[in-house]
Amino acid sequence: MQHYDLTIAGMTCAHCVRSISSALARVPGLEIEHVAVGHARVRTSTPLADAEGTLRAAIEAAGYTLTAVDVDAVTT
């Protein structure tokens, strides 16, 4: 599995964290490792080229903006 660190604009509070957590939980095949204000860490077996659009759509549907996706070199 590949780990992705997501930078998310517009998050300011615990409600935002819950909204992003809920939005990401609905993405098939995605495992949420951690969500905090402005950041989320997830993992999936989907390559970034395919996953980024899905992640962006889920985050934007929740009212936020995905500003960066960093790929962690560690795979499991």
N, C-alpha and C. Protein backbone atom coordinates (compact mmCIF):
# COMPACT_ATOMS: atom_id res chain seq x y z
N MET A 1 0.84 -1.19 0.00
CA MET A 1 0.00 0.00 0.00
C MET A 1 0.88 1.24 0.00
N GLN A 2 0.38 2.27 -0.61
CA GLN A 2 1.09 3.54 -0.70
C GLN A 2 0.48 4.52 0.30
N HIS A 3 1.32 5.28 0.97
CA HIS A 3 0.86 6.30 1.92
C HIS A 3 0.87 7.65 1.22
N TYR A 4 -0.19 8.43 1.45
CA TYR A 4 -0.29 9.78 0.90
C TYR A 4 -0.52 10.77 2.03
N ASP A 5 0.26 11.84 2.03
CA ASP A 5 0.05 12.95 2.96
C ASP A 5 -0.66 14.05 2.20
N LEU A 6 -1.84 14.41 2.67
CA LEU A 6 -2.67 15.39 1.99
C LEU A 6 -2.63 16.72 2.74
N THR A 7 -2.43 17.80 2.02
CA THR A 7 -2.53 19.14 2.60
C THR A 7 -3.87 19.69 2.15
N ILE A 8 -4.68 20.13 3.13
CA ILE A 8 -6.05 20.52 2.85
C ILE A 8 -6.29 21.94 3.36
N ALA A 9 -6.70 22.82 2.46
CA ALA A 9 -6.96 24.22 2.82
C ALA A 9 -8.41 24.37 3.25
N GLY A 10 -8.62 25.30 4.17
CA GLY A 10 -9.96 25.64 4.62
C GLY A 10 -10.36 24.99 5.93
N MET A 11 -9.53 24.11 6.46
CA MET A 11 -9.84 23.45 7.72
C MET A 11 -9.38 24.34 8.88
N THR A 12 -10.28 24.54 9.86
CA THR A 12 -9.92 25.41 10.98
C THR A 12 -10.26 24.85 12.36
N CYS A 13 -11.01 23.72 12.40
CA CYS A 13 -11.50 23.28 13.70
C CYS A 13 -11.81 21.78 13.70
N ALA A 14 -12.26 21.30 14.84
CA ALA A 14 -12.60 19.88 14.98
C ALA A 14 -13.75 19.47 14.06
N HIS A 15 -14.68 20.37 13.82
CA HIS A 15 -15.77 20.07 12.89
C HIS A 15 -15.21 19.80 11.49
N CYS A 16 -14.24 20.58 11.08
CA CYS A 16 -13.59 20.38 9.77
C CYS A 16 -12.92 19.01 9.72
N VAL A 17 -12.27 18.62 10.79
CA VAL A 17 -11.61 17.32 10.86
C VAL A 17 -12.65 16.21 10.70
N ARG A 18 -13.77 16.34 11.37
CA ARG A 18 -14.84 15.33 11.24
C ARG A 18 -15.40 15.30 9.82
N SER A 19 -15.57 16.46 9.21
CA SER A 19 -16.10 16.52 7.84
C SER A 19 -15.16 15.82 6.86
N ILE A 20 -13.87 16.10 6.98
CA ILE A 20 -12.89 15.46 6.09
C ILE A 20 -12.81 13.97 6.37
N SER A 21 -12.84 13.59 7.63
CA SER A 21 -12.80 12.17 7.99
C SER A 21 -13.98 11.43 7.35
N SER A 22 -15.16 12.02 7.44
CA SER A 22 -16.35 11.41 6.86
C SER A 22 -16.26 11.32 5.34
N ALA A 23 -15.77 12.38 4.72
CA ALA A 23 -15.65 12.39 3.26
C ALA A 23 -14.66 11.34 2.79
N LEU A 24 -13.52 11.23 3.46
CA LEU A 24 -12.51 10.25 3.06
C LEU A 24 -12.96 8.83 3.36
N ALA A 25 -13.76 8.65 4.40
CA ALA A 25 -14.24 7.31 4.76
C ALA A 25 -15.14 6.73 3.67
N ARG A 26 -15.72 7.58 2.85
CA ARG A 26 -16.59 7.12 1.78
C ARG A 26 -15.83 6.75 0.50
N VAL A 27 -14.51 6.97 0.47
CA VAL A 27 -13.71 6.62 -0.70
C VAL A 27 -13.37 5.13 -0.64
N PRO A 28 -13.83 4.36 -1.62
CA PRO A 28 -13.57 2.91 -1.60
C PRO A 28 -12.07 2.59 -1.63
N GLY A 29 -11.67 1.64 -0.79
CA GLY A 29 -10.29 1.18 -0.77
C GLY A 29 -9.31 2.08 -0.06
N LEU A 30 -9.79 3.15 0.55
CA LEU A 30 -8.93 4.11 1.23
C LEU A 30 -8.94 3.83 2.73
N GLU A 31 -7.77 3.80 3.34
CA GLU A 31 -7.65 3.65 4.79
C GLU A 31 -7.13 4.98 5.35
N ILE A 32 -7.84 5.52 6.32
CA ILE A 32 -7.45 6.77 6.95
C ILE A 32 -6.52 6.46 8.11
N GLU A 33 -5.34 7.03 8.10
CA GLU A 33 -4.41 6.87 9.20
C GLU A 33 -4.56 7.99 10.23
N HIS A 34 -4.76 9.22 9.73
CA HIS A 34 -4.80 10.36 10.64
C HIS A 34 -5.41 11.56 9.91
N VAL A 35 -6.24 12.31 10.60
CA VAL A 35 -6.76 13.57 10.07
C VAL A 35 -6.60 14.62 11.15
N ALA A 36 -6.03 15.76 10.79
CA ALA A 36 -5.87 16.90 11.69
C ALA A 36 -6.18 18.16 10.88
N VAL A 37 -6.27 19.28 11.56
CA VAL A 37 -6.55 20.53 10.86
C VAL A 37 -5.48 20.76 9.80
N GLY A 38 -5.92 20.84 8.55
CA GLY A 38 -5.02 21.13 7.43
C GLY A 38 -4.27 19.95 6.86
N HIS A 39 -4.50 18.76 7.40
CA HIS A 39 -3.67 17.62 6.98
C HIS A 39 -4.42 16.30 7.16
N ALA A 40 -4.14 15.38 6.27
CA ALA A 40 -4.63 14.01 6.44
C ALA A 40 -3.56 13.06 5.91
N ARG A 41 -3.49 11.90 6.50
CA ARG A 41 -2.58 10.86 6.03
C ARG A 41 -3.44 9.62 5.78
N VAL A 42 -3.36 9.14 4.54
CA VAL A 42 -4.17 7.99 4.13
C VAL A 42 -3.28 6.99 3.42
N ARG A 43 -3.85 5.79 3.22
CA ARG A 43 -3.13 4.81 2.43
C ARG A 43 -4.12 4.04 1.57
N THR A 44 -3.59 3.59 0.44
CA THR A 44 -4.40 2.85 -0.52
C THR A 44 -3.47 2.11 -1.47
N SER A 45 -3.98 1.13 -2.14
CA SER A 45 -3.18 0.43 -3.14
C SER A 45 -3.32 1.09 -4.51
N THR A 46 -4.14 2.11 -4.60
CA THR A 46 -4.36 2.82 -5.86
C THR A 46 -3.20 3.76 -6.15
N PRO A 47 -2.63 3.72 -7.37
CA PRO A 47 -1.55 4.64 -7.73
C PRO A 47 -2.02 6.10 -7.65
N LEU A 48 -1.10 6.99 -7.37
CA LEU A 48 -1.43 8.41 -7.21
C LEU A 48 -2.14 8.97 -8.43
N ALA A 49 -1.72 8.58 -9.62
CA ALA A 49 -2.35 9.09 -10.83
C ALA A 49 -3.85 8.82 -10.85
N ASP A 50 -4.26 7.71 -10.27
CA ASP A 50 -5.68 7.36 -10.22
C ASP A 50 -6.35 7.88 -8.95
N ALA A 51 -5.63 7.90 -7.85
CA ALA A 51 -6.21 8.26 -6.55
C ALA A 51 -6.40 9.76 -6.38
N GLU A 52 -5.55 10.56 -6.96
CA GLU A 52 -5.59 12.00 -6.68
C GLU A 52 -6.92 12.63 -7.06
N GLY A 53 -7.47 12.30 -8.20
CA GLY A 53 -8.76 12.87 -8.62
C GLY A 53 -9.88 12.48 -7.68
N THR A 54 -9.87 11.23 -7.23
CA THR A 54 -10.90 10.76 -6.30
C THR A 54 -10.78 11.47 -4.95
N LEU A 55 -9.54 11.60 -4.47
CA LEU A 55 -9.32 12.30 -3.20
C LEU A 55 -9.74 13.76 -3.31
N ARG A 56 -9.35 14.41 -4.40
CA ARG A 56 -9.70 15.82 -4.61
C ARG A 56 -11.23 15.97 -4.64
N ALA A 57 -11.92 15.10 -5.36
CA ALA A 57 -13.38 15.19 -5.46
C ALA A 57 -14.04 15.03 -4.09
N ALA A 58 -13.58 14.08 -3.30
CA ALA A 58 -14.16 13.85 -1.97
C ALA A 58 -13.95 15.05 -1.07
N ILE A 59 -12.76 15.60 -1.11
CA ILE A 59 -12.43 16.76 -0.26
C ILE A 59 -13.21 17.99 -0.70
N GLU A 60 -13.29 18.22 -2.00
CA GLU A 60 -14.03 19.38 -2.50
C GLU A 60 -15.53 19.25 -2.24
N ALA A 61 -16.06 18.03 -2.31
CA ALA A 61 -17.48 17.81 -2.00
C ALA A 61 -17.79 18.17 -0.55
N ALA A 62 -16.79 18.04 0.32
CA ALA A 62 -16.96 18.40 1.73
C ALA A 62 -16.76 19.90 1.97
N GLY A 63 -16.37 20.64 0.92
CA GLY A 63 -16.22 22.08 1.04
C GLY A 63 -14.81 22.58 1.29
N TYR A 64 -13.81 21.75 1.05
CA TYR A 64 -12.42 22.12 1.30
C TYR A 64 -11.61 21.97 0.01
N THR A 65 -10.33 22.31 0.06
CA THR A 65 -9.49 22.26 -1.12
C THR A 65 -8.24 21.44 -0.86
N LEU A 66 -8.01 20.45 -1.70
CA LEU A 66 -6.78 19.66 -1.64
C LEU A 66 -5.70 20.48 -2.33
N THR A 67 -4.68 20.90 -1.57
CA THR A 67 -3.65 21.76 -2.15
C THR A 67 -2.37 21.02 -2.49
N ALA A 68 -2.13 19.87 -1.86
CA ALA A 68 -0.91 19.09 -2.15
C ALA A 68 -1.10 17.64 -1.73
N VAL A 69 -0.46 16.77 -2.50
CA VAL A 69 -0.42 15.34 -2.16
C VAL A 69 1.04 14.93 -2.20
N ASP A 70 1.56 14.48 -1.07
CA ASP A 70 2.93 13.98 -1.01
C ASP A 70 2.88 12.48 -0.84
N VAL A 71 3.70 11.81 -1.62
CA VAL A 71 3.77 10.35 -1.58
C VAL A 71 4.89 9.94 -0.64
N ASP A 72 4.54 9.09 0.31
CA ASP A 72 5.53 8.53 1.24
C ASP A 72 6.18 7.35 0.56
N ALA A 73 7.47 7.25 0.61
CA ALA A 73 8.20 6.17 -0.05
C ALA A 73 8.00 4.82 0.62
N VAL A 74 7.48 4.81 1.84
CA VAL A 74 7.28 3.57 2.57
C VAL A 74 6.05 2.86 2.04
N THR A 75 6.19 1.63 1.62
CA THR A 75 5.05 0.84 1.19
C THR A 75 4.96 -0.41 2.03
N THR A 76 3.76 -0.93 2.19
CA THR A 76 3.58 -2.16 2.96
C THR A 76 2.83 -3.17 2.14
